[in-house]
Amino acid sequence: MANIKDVAQRSGYSVATVSRALNHHGYVSETAQAKIEAAIAALNYVPNGVAQDLSQGKTFTIGVVLPHMNHPYFNQLVHGILTAAFSSAYQISLLPSRYDVAVETKYLTQLKRKLFDGLIFASHEASLQYLAERQSWGPVVVCEDPGELPLAAVYPDRQAGYLAALQWLKQGGSHQIGFLFARPADQSATTAAALAAYRTLWPTAKAPLVVTDVLTYQDGYQIGTRLLAQGNWPQALFTNGDAPAAGLQAAFAAAHQPAPQLIGQENQLAGRLLDLPTIDNHLTEIGQQAFRLATEPRSPQPRLCIPAQFLLPAER
């Protein structure tokens, strides 16, 4: 397979001149350009695209770090990122992390080595402080509120959505609330925000039922089956997605039992079909804005907060 040195030898010009001709960067005479292109054709030489991009100081690739794709949060966020990327010169690389700090660090090191032009962290196990300390390696965007840390961020105002949903439950007479989450509060800003909203409205209530590792319809169904077997369940269940809520409802329907009041999230088709209340965190828009922040870095690091909406079935 021919390389750039072969092209230089055949054309009679230096490697540096051939490089300028390939990258259209710097002066190359028309005669030299023609001879170099003839040598490329004769040798069937294919330039190294990565090397060309690096010579321009860009790879035109944005990495999206995410633990998995088993939840609509990540699906909708990635959909927004891809939608924004389609109208640009950038490509998107999905970087699975499984919430492993070592893997996340590997991706950050690749950013430092200029293998990516920026990283979007859909979620993470490494601390926000850890990510902030590596800002000098390249643009890093997070999808949660980084507080006072110097990180570019775009995120939903989850607290407003959670308060509206829980206030609706309270006005309807519910006071025993259960929560279904992906991760516990000490690992997830989302879980912490929901429980903080609960404590705001029920400051003296005992700790609510909290179930973690919930992601899918099947998870919701299994939890519903477990609650039915126990013979005791809350008046309302606040879930981390419409799909788990649909699974819960199906489990109670299979047992011919009325389901608790269910609230889903992410405004999915399953919730619309079952007329479930939901919280729309506008994740597609957040993904689009995250892509923009990653490809248009600026200082100081910008942050955007997108209001979440609590939607009743008639409003979906």
C-alpha atoms as a PDB file:
ATOM      1  CA  MET A   1       0.000   0.000   0.000  1.00  0.00           C
ATOM      2  CA  ALA A   2       1.439   3.337  -1.066  1.00  0.00           C
ATOM      3  CA  ASN A   3       2.224   6.021   1.490  1.00  0.00           C
ATOM      4  CA  ILE A   4       2.972   9.727   1.324  1.00  0.00           C
ATOM      5  CA  LYS A   5       6.702   9.062   0.885  1.00  0.00           C
ATOM      6  CA  ASP A   6       5.959   7.005  -2.227  1.00  0.00           C
ATOM      7  CA  VAL A   7       3.908   9.897  -3.626  1.00  0.00           C
ATOM      8  CA  ALA A   8       6.760  12.305  -2.890  1.00  0.00           C
ATOM      9  CA  GLN A   9       9.324  10.062  -4.616  1.00  0.00           C
ATOM     10  CA  ARG A  10       7.176   9.496  -7.718  1.00  0.00           C
ATOM     11  CA  SER A  11       6.188  13.156  -8.093  1.00  0.00           C
ATOM     12  CA  GLY A  12       9.682  14.478  -7.397  1.00  0.00           C
ATOM     13  CA  TYR A  13       8.586  16.769  -4.590  1.00  0.00           C
ATOM     14  CA  SER A  14       9.233  16.719  -0.855  1.00  0.00           C
ATOM     15  CA  VAL A  15       6.917  15.095   1.685  1.00  0.00           C
ATOM     16  CA  ALA A  16       6.163  18.579   3.027  1.00  0.00           C
ATOM     17  CA  THR A  17       5.031  19.794  -0.410  1.00  0.00           C
ATOM     18  CA  VAL A  18       2.893  16.690  -0.917  1.00  0.00           C
ATOM     19  CA  SER A  19       1.313  17.260   2.500  1.00  0.00           C
ATOM     20  CA  ARG A  20       0.454  20.869   1.603  1.00  0.00           C
ATOM     21  CA  ALA A  21      -1.080  19.686  -1.666  1.00  0.00           C
ATOM     22  CA  LEU A  22      -3.179  17.044   0.096  1.00  0.00           C
ATOM     23  CA  ASN A  23      -4.395  19.355   2.819  1.00  0.00           C
ATOM     24  CA  HIS A  24      -4.747  22.457   0.620  1.00  0.00           C
ATOM     25  CA  HIS A  25      -2.834  24.295   3.282  1.00  0.00           C
ATOM     26  CA  GLY A  26       0.037  26.516   2.220  1.00  0.00           C
ATOM     27  CA  TYR A  27       1.337  27.427  -1.216  1.00  0.00           C
ATOM     28  CA  VAL A  28       1.750  24.752  -3.896  1.00  0.00           C
ATOM     29  CA  SER A  29       2.318  25.704  -7.545  1.00  0.00           C
ATOM     30  CA  GLU A  30      -0.135  24.517 -10.193  1.00  0.00           C
ATOM     31  CA  THR A  31       2.609  22.407 -11.777  1.00  0.00           C
ATOM     32  CA  ALA A  32       3.461  20.704  -8.485  1.00  0.00           C
ATOM     33  CA  GLN A  33      -0.206  20.146  -7.670  1.00  0.00           C
ATOM     34  CA  ALA A  34      -0.783  18.492 -11.042  1.00  0.00           C
ATOM     35  CA  LYS A  35       2.259  16.187 -10.746  1.00  0.00           C
ATOM     36  CA  ILE A  36       1.360  15.218  -7.180  1.00  0.00           C
ATOM     37  CA  GLU A  37      -2.240  14.419  -8.170  1.00  0.00           C
ATOM     38  CA  ALA A  38      -0.936  12.325 -11.086  1.00  0.00           C
ATOM     39  CA  ALA A  39       1.339  10.410  -8.700  1.00  0.00           C
ATOM     40  CA  ILE A  40      -1.568   9.850  -6.298  1.00  0.00           C
ATOM     41  CA  ALA A  41      -3.700   8.455  -9.141  1.00  0.00           C
ATOM     42  CA  ALA A  42      -0.892   6.215 -10.446  1.00  0.00           C
ATOM     43  CA  LEU A  43      -0.180   4.795  -6.995  1.00  0.00           C
ATOM     44  CA  ASN A  44      -3.872   4.587  -5.985  1.00  0.00           C
ATOM     45  CA  TYR A  45      -2.854   6.401  -2.817  1.00  0.00           C
ATOM     46  CA  VAL A  46      -5.563   7.060  -0.209  1.00  0.00           C
ATOM     47  CA  PRO A  47      -4.651   9.809   2.278  1.00  0.00           C
ATOM     48  CA  ASN A  48      -4.882   9.087   5.986  1.00  0.00           C
ATOM     49  CA  GLY A  49      -8.035  10.981   6.970  1.00  0.00           C
ATOM     50  CA  VAL A  50      -7.119  11.095  10.659  1.00  0.00           C
ATOM     51  CA  ALA A  51      -3.726  12.585   9.875  1.00  0.00           C
ATOM     52  CA  GLN A  52      -5.327  15.143   7.583  1.00  0.00           C
ATOM     53  CA  ASP A  53      -7.810  16.184  10.250  1.00  0.00           C
ATOM     54  CA  LEU A  54      -5.084  16.443  12.862  1.00  0.00           C
ATOM     55  CA  SER A  55      -3.029  18.617  10.525  1.00  0.00           C
ATOM     56  CA  GLN A  56      -5.959  21.026  10.592  1.00  0.00           C
ATOM     57  CA  GLY A  57      -6.120  20.861  14.381  1.00  0.00           C
ATOM     58  CA  LYS A  58      -9.501  19.087  14.348  1.00  0.00           C
ATOM     59  CA  THR A  59     -10.891  15.577  14.074  1.00  0.00           C
ATOM     60  CA  PHE A  60     -14.478  16.766  13.517  1.00  0.00           C
ATOM     61  CA  THR A  61     -15.559  14.103  15.984  1.00  0.00           C
ATOM     62  CA  ILE A  62     -17.478  14.640  19.217  1.00  0.00           C
ATOM     63  CA  GLY A  63     -17.477  11.827  21.777  1.00  0.00           C
ATOM     64  CA  VAL A  64     -20.615  11.122  23.799  1.00  0.00           C
ATOM     65  CA  VAL A  65     -19.852   9.299  27.053  1.00  0.00           C
ATOM     66  CA  LEU A  66     -22.821   7.303  28.328  1.00  0.00           C
ATOM     67  CA  PRO A  67     -23.107   4.262  30.598  1.00  0.00           C
ATOM     68  CA  HIS A  68     -25.626   2.330  28.457  1.00  0.00           C
ATOM     69  CA  MET A  69     -28.593   2.770  26.123  1.00  0.00           C
ATOM     70  CA  ASN A  70     -31.184   0.972  28.249  1.00  0.00           C
ATOM     71  CA  HIS A  71     -33.147   4.059  29.231  1.00  0.00           C
ATOM     72  CA  PRO A  72     -35.036   6.680  27.210  1.00  0.00           C
ATOM     73  CA  TYR A  73     -32.973   9.418  28.851  1.00  0.00           C
ATOM     74  CA  PHE A  74     -29.923   8.340  26.865  1.00  0.00           C
ATOM     75  CA  ASN A  75     -31.873   7.463  23.713  1.00  0.00           C
ATOM     76  CA  GLN A  76     -33.531  10.871  23.522  1.00  0.00           C
ATOM     77  CA  LEU A  77     -30.366  12.742  24.447  1.00  0.00           C
ATOM     78  CA  VAL A  78     -28.370  10.956  21.733  1.00  0.00           C
ATOM     79  CA  HIS A  79     -31.184  11.575  19.251  1.00  0.00           C
ATOM     80  CA  GLY A  80     -30.852  15.302  19.917  1.00  0.00           C
ATOM     81  CA  ILE A  81     -27.068  15.209  19.531  1.00  0.00           C
ATOM     82  CA  LEU A  82     -27.307  13.301  16.252  1.00  0.00           C
ATOM     83  CA  THR A  83     -30.005  15.633  14.938  1.00  0.00           C
ATOM     84  CA  ALA A  84     -27.727  18.604  15.532  1.00  0.00           C
ATOM     85  CA  ALA A  85     -24.708  16.817  14.046  1.00  0.00           C
ATOM     86  CA  PHE A  86     -26.492  15.903  10.800  1.00  0.00           C
ATOM     87  CA  SER A  87     -26.415  19.524   9.652  1.00  0.00           C
ATOM     88  CA  SER A  88     -22.732  19.970  10.512  1.00  0.00           C
ATOM     89  CA  ALA A  89     -19.350  18.637   9.432  1.00  0.00           C
ATOM     90  CA  TYR A  90     -19.046  16.641  12.662  1.00  0.00           C
ATOM     91  CA  GLN A  91     -19.506  12.965  13.330  1.00  0.00           C
ATOM     92  CA  ILE A  92     -20.548  11.449  16.656  1.00  0.00           C
ATOM     93  CA  SER A  93     -18.744   8.655  18.472  1.00  0.00           C
ATOM     94  CA  LEU A  94     -20.718   6.852  21.216  1.00  0.00           C
ATOM     95  CA  LEU A  95     -18.408   5.944  24.100  1.00  0.00           C
ATOM     96  CA  PRO A  96     -19.834   3.351  26.525  1.00  0.00           C
ATOM     97  CA  SER A  97     -18.574   3.712  30.085  1.00  0.00           C
ATOM     98  CA  ARG A  98     -20.683   1.413  32.314  1.00  0.00           C
ATOM     99  CA  TYR A  99     -20.132   4.041  35.033  1.00  0.00           C
ATOM    100  CA  ASP A 100     -16.446   3.055  35.231  1.00  0.00           C
ATOM    101  CA  VAL A 101     -14.143   5.936  36.223  1.00  0.00           C
ATOM    102  CA  ALA A 102     -11.150   4.238  34.569  1.00  0.00           C
ATOM    103  CA  VAL A 103     -13.020   4.066  31.260  1.00  0.00           C
ATOM    104  CA  GLU A 104     -14.165   7.686  31.569  1.00  0.00           C
ATOM    105  CA  THR A 105     -10.561   8.707  32.267  1.00  0.00           C
ATOM    106  CA  LYS A 106      -9.460   6.865  29.129  1.00  0.00           C
ATOM    107  CA  TYR A 107     -11.860   8.950  27.059  1.00  0.00           C
ATOM    108  CA  LEU A 108     -10.634  12.146  28.698  1.00  0.00           C
ATOM    109  CA  THR A 109      -7.048  11.145  27.902  1.00  0.00           C
ATOM    110  CA  GLN A 110      -8.081  10.606  24.277  1.00  0.00           C
ATOM    111  CA  LEU A 111      -9.517  14.130  24.322  1.00  0.00           C
ATOM    112  CA  LYS A 112      -6.150  15.378  25.564  1.00  0.00           C
ATOM    113  CA  ARG A 113      -4.470  13.535  22.689  1.00  0.00           C
ATOM    114  CA  LYS A 114      -6.834  15.368  20.282  1.00  0.00           C
ATOM    115  CA  LEU A 115      -8.663  12.213  19.187  1.00  0.00           C
ATOM    116  CA  PHE A 116     -11.898  14.118  19.839  1.00  0.00           C
ATOM    117  CA  ASP A 117     -12.741  17.777  19.457  1.00  0.00           C
ATOM    118  CA  GLY A 118     -14.943  17.604  22.553  1.00  0.00           C
ATOM    119  CA  LEU A 119     -16.726  15.256  24.949  1.00  0.00           C
ATOM    120  CA  ILE A 120     -20.351  15.292  26.069  1.00  0.00           C
ATOM    121  CA  PHE A 121     -20.984  13.420  29.321  1.00  0.00           C
ATOM    122  CA  ALA A 122     -24.570  12.191  29.265  1.00  0.00           C
ATOM    123  CA  SER A 123     -23.886  10.754  32.707  1.00  0.00           C
ATOM    124  CA  HIS A 124     -20.744   9.912  34.648  1.00  0.00           C
ATOM    125  CA  GLU A 125     -19.229   8.199  37.644  1.00  0.00           C
ATOM    126  CA  ALA A 126     -16.207  10.490  37.950  1.00  0.00           C
ATOM    127  CA  SER A 127     -16.915  13.561  40.033  1.00  0.00           C
ATOM    128  CA  LEU A 128     -17.780  16.898  38.452  1.00  0.00           C
ATOM    129  CA  GLN A 129     -14.653  18.285  40.105  1.00  0.00           C
ATOM    130  CA  TYR A 130     -12.604  15.626  38.316  1.00  0.00           C
ATOM    131  CA  LEU A 131     -14.115  16.626  34.977  1.00  0.00           C
ATOM    132  CA  ALA A 132     -13.622  20.327  35.671  1.00  0.00           C
ATOM    133  CA  GLU A 133      -9.939  19.804  36.428  1.00  0.00           C
ATOM    134  CA  ARG A 134      -9.484  18.404  32.909  1.00  0.00           C
ATOM    135  CA  GLN A 135     -11.051  21.322  31.063  1.00  0.00           C
ATOM    136  CA  SER A 136      -7.621  22.293  29.731  1.00  0.00           C
ATOM    137  CA  TRP A 137      -7.575  19.039  27.743  1.00  0.00           C
ATOM    138  CA  GLY A 138     -10.482  20.139  25.573  1.00  0.00           C
ATOM    139  CA  PRO A 139     -14.178  21.045  25.644  1.00  0.00           C
ATOM    140  CA  VAL A 140     -16.209  19.000  28.130  1.00  0.00           C
ATOM    141  CA  VAL A 141     -19.989  19.387  28.378  1.00  0.00           C
ATOM    142  CA  VAL A 142     -22.095  17.822  31.124  1.00  0.00           C
ATOM    143  CA  CYS A 143     -25.852  17.279  31.139  1.00  0.00           C
ATOM    144  CA  GLU A 144     -26.498  18.322  34.722  1.00  0.00           C
ATOM    145  CA  ASP A 145     -26.119  21.430  36.831  1.00  0.00           C
ATOM    146  CA  PRO A 146     -22.415  21.700  37.767  1.00  0.00           C
ATOM    147  CA  GLY A 147     -23.052  24.337  40.418  1.00  0.00           C
ATOM    148  CA  GLU A 148     -20.070  26.627  40.890  1.00  0.00           C
ATOM    149  CA  LEU A 149     -17.673  24.402  38.955  1.00  0.00           C
ATOM    150  CA  PRO A 150     -16.314  25.775  35.656  1.00  0.00           C
ATOM    151  CA  LEU A 151     -17.999  23.317  33.305  1.00  0.00           C
ATOM    152  CA  ALA A 152     -20.094  23.926  30.207  1.00  0.00           C
ATOM    153  CA  ALA A 153     -23.496  22.408  30.889  1.00  0.00           C
ATOM    154  CA  VAL A 154     -27.016  22.030  29.566  1.00  0.00           C
ATOM    155  CA  TYR A 155     -29.594  20.331  31.736  1.00  0.00           C
ATOM    156  CA  PRO A 156     -33.303  20.154  32.577  1.00  0.00           C
ATOM    157  CA  ASP A 157     -34.773  22.040  35.514  1.00  0.00           C
ATOM    158  CA  ARG A 158     -35.861  18.750  37.042  1.00  0.00           C
ATOM    159  CA  GLN A 159     -36.738  20.255  40.402  1.00  0.00           C
ATOM    160  CA  ALA A 160     -39.573  22.318  38.901  1.00  0.00           C
ATOM    161  CA  GLY A 161     -40.999  19.290  37.099  1.00  0.00           C
ATOM    162  CA  TYR A 162     -40.756  17.085  40.175  1.00  0.00           C
ATOM    163  CA  LEU A 163     -42.362  19.663  42.440  1.00  0.00           C
ATOM    164  CA  ALA A 164     -45.263  20.134  40.018  1.00  0.00           C
ATOM    165  CA  ALA A 165     -45.840  16.371  39.745  1.00  0.00           C
ATOM    166  CA  LEU A 166     -45.635  15.756  43.485  1.00  0.00           C
ATOM    167  CA  GLN A 167     -47.838  18.768  44.229  1.00  0.00           C
ATOM    168  CA  TRP A 168     -50.454  17.273  41.906  1.00  0.00           C
ATOM    169  CA  LEU A 169     -50.256  13.986  43.800  1.00  0.00           C
ATOM    170  CA  LYS A 170     -50.585  15.782  47.115  1.00  0.00           C
ATOM    171  CA  GLN A 171     -53.606  17.756  45.958  1.00  0.00           C
ATOM    172  CA  GLY A 172     -55.166  14.468  44.848  1.00  0.00           C
ATOM    173  CA  GLY A 173     -54.834  13.084  48.374  1.00  0.00           C
ATOM    174  CA  SER A 174     -51.748  10.903  47.968  1.00  0.00           C
ATOM    175  CA  HIS A 175     -49.335  10.955  50.881  1.00  0.00           C
ATOM    176  CA  GLN A 176     -47.653   7.566  50.572  1.00  0.00           C
ATOM    177  CA  ILE A 177     -45.277   7.929  47.622  1.00  0.00           C
ATOM    178  CA  GLY A 178     -42.837   5.394  46.231  1.00  0.00           C
ATOM    179  CA  PHE A 179     -39.958   6.142  43.857  1.00  0.00           C
ATOM    180  CA  LEU A 180     -38.345   4.067  41.125  1.00  0.00           C
ATOM    181  CA  PHE A 181     -34.890   5.192  40.023  1.00  0.00           C
ATOM    182  CA  ALA A 182     -31.922   3.967  38.033  1.00  0.00           C
ATOM    183  CA  ARG A 183     -29.346   4.846  40.692  1.00  0.00           C
ATOM    184  CA  PRO A 184     -29.398   5.894  44.367  1.00  0.00           C
ATOM    185  CA  ALA A 185     -29.312   9.545  45.412  1.00  0.00           C
ATOM    186  CA  ASP A 186     -25.617   9.522  46.346  1.00  0.00           C
ATOM    187  CA  GLN A 187     -24.785   8.546  42.761  1.00  0.00           C
ATOM    188  CA  SER A 188     -27.427  10.408  40.780  1.00  0.00           C
ATOM    189  CA  ALA A 189     -28.308  14.105  40.690  1.00  0.00           C
ATOM    190  CA  THR A 190     -31.666  13.114  39.182  1.00  0.00           C
ATOM    191  CA  THR A 191     -32.586  10.877  42.106  1.00  0.00           C
ATOM    192  CA  ALA A 192     -31.381  13.465  44.594  1.00  0.00           C
ATOM    193  CA  ALA A 193     -33.532  16.161  42.950  1.00  0.00           C
ATOM    194  CA  ALA A 194     -36.682  14.033  43.086  1.00  0.00           C
ATOM    195  CA  LEU A 195     -36.190  13.148  46.746  1.00  0.00           C
ATOM    196  CA  ALA A 196     -35.430  16.783  47.587  1.00  0.00           C
ATOM    197  CA  ALA A 197     -38.738  17.768  45.980  1.00  0.00           C
ATOM    198  CA  TYR A 198     -40.486  15.112  48.059  1.00  0.00           C
ATOM    199  CA  ARG A 199     -38.950  16.423  51.276  1.00  0.00           C
ATOM    200  CA  THR A 200     -40.043  19.945  50.356  1.00  0.00           C
ATOM    201  CA  LEU A 201     -43.703  18.880  50.244  1.00  0.00           C
ATOM    202  CA  TRP A 202     -43.612  16.230  52.973  1.00  0.00           C
ATOM    203  CA  PRO A 203     -40.914  17.523  55.354  1.00  0.00           C
ATOM    204  CA  THR A 204     -41.996  15.417  58.328  1.00  0.00           C
ATOM    205  CA  ALA A 205     -42.952  12.211  56.535  1.00  0.00           C
ATOM    206  CA  LYS A 206     -40.947   9.058  57.034  1.00  0.00           C
ATOM    207  CA  ALA A 207     -38.530   8.008  54.315  1.00  0.00           C
ATOM    208  CA  PRO A 208     -40.443   6.887  51.204  1.00  0.00           C
ATOM    209  CA  LEU A 209     -40.101   3.573  49.420  1.00  0.00           C
ATOM    210  CA  VAL A 210     -37.157   3.856  47.003  1.00  0.00           C
ATOM    211  CA  VAL A 211     -36.292   1.152  44.476  1.00  0.00           C
ATOM    212  CA  THR A 212     -33.185   1.470  42.285  1.00  0.00           C
ATOM    213  CA  ASP A 213     -31.796  -0.336  39.214  1.00  0.00           C
ATOM    214  CA  VAL A 214     -35.042   0.364  37.376  1.00  0.00           C
ATOM    215  CA  LEU A 215     -34.646   1.039  33.649  1.00  0.00           C
ATOM    216  CA  THR A 216     -37.110  -0.910  31.521  1.00  0.00           C
ATOM    217  CA  TYR A 217     -40.692  -2.091  31.123  1.00  0.00           C
ATOM    218  CA  GLN A 218     -39.607  -5.491  32.433  1.00  0.00           C
ATOM    219  CA  ASP A 219     -38.111  -3.883  35.543  1.00  0.00           C
ATOM    220  CA  GLY A 220     -41.403  -2.128  36.229  1.00  0.00           C
ATOM    221  CA  TYR A 221     -43.370  -5.335  35.741  1.00  0.00           C
ATOM    222  CA  GLN A 222     -41.131  -7.257  38.136  1.00  0.00           C
ATOM    223  CA  ILE A 223     -41.436  -4.560  40.803  1.00  0.00           C
ATOM    224  CA  GLY A 224     -45.220  -4.537  40.397  1.00  0.00           C
ATOM    225  CA  THR A 225     -45.277  -8.314  40.836  1.00  0.00           C
ATOM    226  CA  ARG A 226     -43.114  -7.993  43.953  1.00  0.00           C
ATOM    227  CA  LEU A 227     -45.367  -5.330  45.491  1.00  0.00           C
ATOM    228  CA  LEU A 228     -48.442  -7.450  44.806  1.00  0.00           C
ATOM    229  CA  ALA A 229     -46.817 -10.448  46.495  1.00  0.00           C
ATOM    230  CA  GLN A 230     -46.024  -8.315  49.546  1.00  0.00           C
ATOM    231  CA  GLY A 231     -49.638  -7.149  49.667  1.00  0.00           C
ATOM    232  CA  ASN A 232     -48.632  -3.584  50.526  1.00  0.00           C
ATOM    233  CA  TRP A 233     -47.783  -0.717  48.191  1.00  0.00           C
ATOM    234  CA  PRO A 234     -47.805   3.094  48.182  1.00  0.00           C
ATOM    235  CA  GLN A 235     -50.753   5.146  46.964  1.00  0.00           C
ATOM    236  CA  ALA A 236     -48.611   6.544  44.162  1.00  0.00           C
ATOM    237  CA  LEU A 237     -45.425   5.512  42.401  1.00  0.00           C
ATOM    238  CA  PHE A 238     -43.130   8.063  40.824  1.00  0.00           C
ATOM    239  CA  THR A 239     -41.060   6.333  38.149  1.00  0.00           C
ATOM    240  CA  ASN A 240     -37.982   7.321  36.161  1.00  0.00           C
ATOM    241  CA  GLY A 241     -39.616   6.611  32.807  1.00  0.00           C
ATOM    242  CA  ASP A 242     -42.924   5.920  31.086  1.00  0.00           C
ATOM    243  CA  ALA A 243     -41.790   2.386  30.174  1.00  0.00           C
ATOM    244  CA  PRO A 244     -41.257   1.246  33.809  1.00  0.00           C
ATOM    245  CA  ALA A 245     -44.602   2.870  34.691  1.00  0.00           C
ATOM    246  CA  ALA A 246     -46.265   0.895  31.896  1.00  0.00           C
ATOM    247  CA  GLY A 247     -44.689  -2.291  33.258  1.00  0.00           C
ATOM    248  CA  LEU A 248     -46.057  -1.569  36.716  1.00  0.00           C
ATOM    249  CA  GLN A 249     -49.538  -0.966  35.336  1.00  0.00           C
ATOM    250  CA  ALA A 250     -49.394  -4.208  33.354  1.00  0.00           C
ATOM    251  CA  ALA A 251     -48.417  -6.203  36.451  1.00  0.00           C
ATOM    252  CA  PHE A 252     -51.384  -4.866  38.428  1.00  0.00           C
ATOM    253  CA  ALA A 253     -53.730  -5.413  35.484  1.00  0.00           C
ATOM    254  CA  ALA A 254     -52.563  -9.034  35.191  1.00  0.00           C
ATOM    255  CA  ALA A 255     -53.428  -9.517  38.877  1.00  0.00           C
ATOM    256  CA  HIS A 256     -56.815  -7.779  38.415  1.00  0.00           C
ATOM    257  CA  GLN A 257     -55.811  -5.169  40.967  1.00  0.00           C
ATOM    258  CA  PRO A 258     -56.152  -1.391  40.616  1.00  0.00           C
ATOM    259  CA  ALA A 259     -52.703   0.105  40.134  1.00  0.00           C
ATOM    260  CA  PRO A 260     -51.385   2.945  42.300  1.00  0.00           C
ATOM    261  CA  GLN A 261     -51.377   6.390  40.741  1.00  0.00           C
ATOM    262  CA  LEU A 262     -48.384   6.308  38.385  1.00  0.00           C
ATOM    263  CA  ILE A 263     -46.240   9.165  37.121  1.00  0.00           C
ATOM    264  CA  GLY A 264     -43.768   8.512  34.342  1.00  0.00           C
ATOM    265  CA  GLN A 265     -41.012  10.522  32.736  1.00  0.00           C
ATOM    266  CA  GLU A 266     -39.732  11.430  29.262  1.00  0.00           C
ATOM    267  CA  ASN A 267     -43.143  11.606  27.521  1.00  0.00           C
ATOM    268  CA  GLN A 268     -42.806   8.266  25.733  1.00  0.00           C
ATOM    269  CA  LEU A 269     -45.256   6.441  23.485  1.00  0.00           C
ATOM    270  CA  ALA A 270     -46.003   3.852  26.189  1.00  0.00           C
ATOM    271  CA  GLY A 271     -47.169   6.576  28.548  1.00  0.00           C
ATOM    272  CA  ARG A 272     -49.289   8.282  25.895  1.00  0.00           C
ATOM    273  CA  LEU A 273     -51.037   5.023  25.014  1.00  0.00           C
ATOM    274  CA  LEU A 274     -51.849   4.388  28.689  1.00  0.00           C
ATOM    275  CA  ASP A 275     -52.816   8.006  29.489  1.00  0.00           C
ATOM    276  CA  LEU A 276     -50.179   8.329  32.189  1.00  0.00           C
ATOM    277  CA  PRO A 277     -49.055  11.672  33.612  1.00  0.00           C
ATOM    278  CA  THR A 278     -45.412  12.287  32.804  1.00  0.00           C
ATOM    279  CA  ILE A 279     -42.546  14.730  33.148  1.00  0.00           C
ATOM    280  CA  ASP A 280     -41.054  15.882  29.872  1.00  0.00           C
ATOM    281  CA  ASN A 281     -37.422  16.906  30.424  1.00  0.00           C
ATOM    282  CA  HIS A 282     -37.008  17.946  26.764  1.00  0.00           C
ATOM    283  CA  LEU A 283     -33.974  15.719  26.330  1.00  0.00           C
ATOM    284  CA  THR A 284     -33.847  16.027  22.548  1.00  0.00           C
ATOM    285  CA  GLU A 285     -33.428  19.790  22.879  1.00  0.00           C
ATOM    286  CA  ILE A 286     -30.828  19.280  25.596  1.00  0.00           C
ATOM    287  CA  GLY A 287     -28.875  16.972  23.289  1.00  0.00           C
ATOM    288  CA  GLN A 288     -28.958  19.561  20.497  1.00  0.00           C
ATOM    289  CA  GLN A 289     -27.719  22.284  22.821  1.00  0.00           C
ATOM    290  CA  ALA A 290     -25.011  20.009  24.267  1.00  0.00           C
ATOM    291  CA  PHE A 291     -23.667  19.427  20.749  1.00  0.00           C
ATOM    292  CA  ARG A 292     -23.613  23.175  20.123  1.00  0.00           C
ATOM    293  CA  LEU A 293     -21.687  23.832  23.333  1.00  0.00           C
ATOM    294  CA  ALA A 294     -19.176  21.078  22.498  1.00  0.00           C
ATOM    295  CA  THR A 295     -18.505  22.430  19.014  1.00  0.00           C
ATOM    296  CA  GLU A 296     -18.606  26.125  19.872  1.00  0.00           C
ATOM    297  CA  PRO A 297     -16.515  26.279  23.062  1.00  0.00           C
ATOM    298  CA  ARG A 298     -16.250  29.625  24.745  1.00  0.00           C
ATOM    299  CA  SER A 299     -14.960  31.090  27.973  1.00  0.00           C
ATOM    300  CA  PRO A 300     -16.332  31.322  30.574  1.00  0.00           C
ATOM    301  CA  GLN A 301     -18.128  28.013  30.215  1.00  0.00           C
ATOM    302  CA  PRO A 302     -21.803  28.604  29.350  1.00  0.00           C
ATOM    303  CA  ARG A 303     -24.688  26.765  30.915  1.00  0.00           C
ATOM    304  CA  LEU A 304     -28.281  26.399  29.833  1.00  0.00           C
ATOM    305  CA  CYS A 305     -31.185  25.265  31.997  1.00  0.00           C
ATOM    306  CA  ILE A 306     -34.188  23.886  30.067  1.00  0.00           C
ATOM    307  CA  PRO A 307     -37.487  23.940  32.043  1.00  0.00           C
ATOM    308  CA  ALA A 308     -39.061  20.518  32.555  1.00  0.00           C
ATOM    309  CA  GLN A 309     -42.834  20.135  32.165  1.00  0.00           C
ATOM    310  CA  PHE A 310     -45.289  18.051  34.137  1.00  0.00           C
ATOM    311  CA  LEU A 311     -47.929  16.865  31.677  1.00  0.00           C
ATOM    312  CA  LEU A 312     -51.320  15.375  32.401  1.00  0.00           C
ATOM    313  CA  PRO A 313     -52.685  12.920  29.813  1.00  0.00           C
ATOM    314  CA  ALA A 314     -54.849  15.563  28.111  1.00  0.00           C
ATOM    315  CA  GLU A 315     -51.776  17.782  27.674  1.00  0.00           C
ATOM    316  CA  ARG A 316     -49.519  15.224  26.019  1.00  0.00           C
END
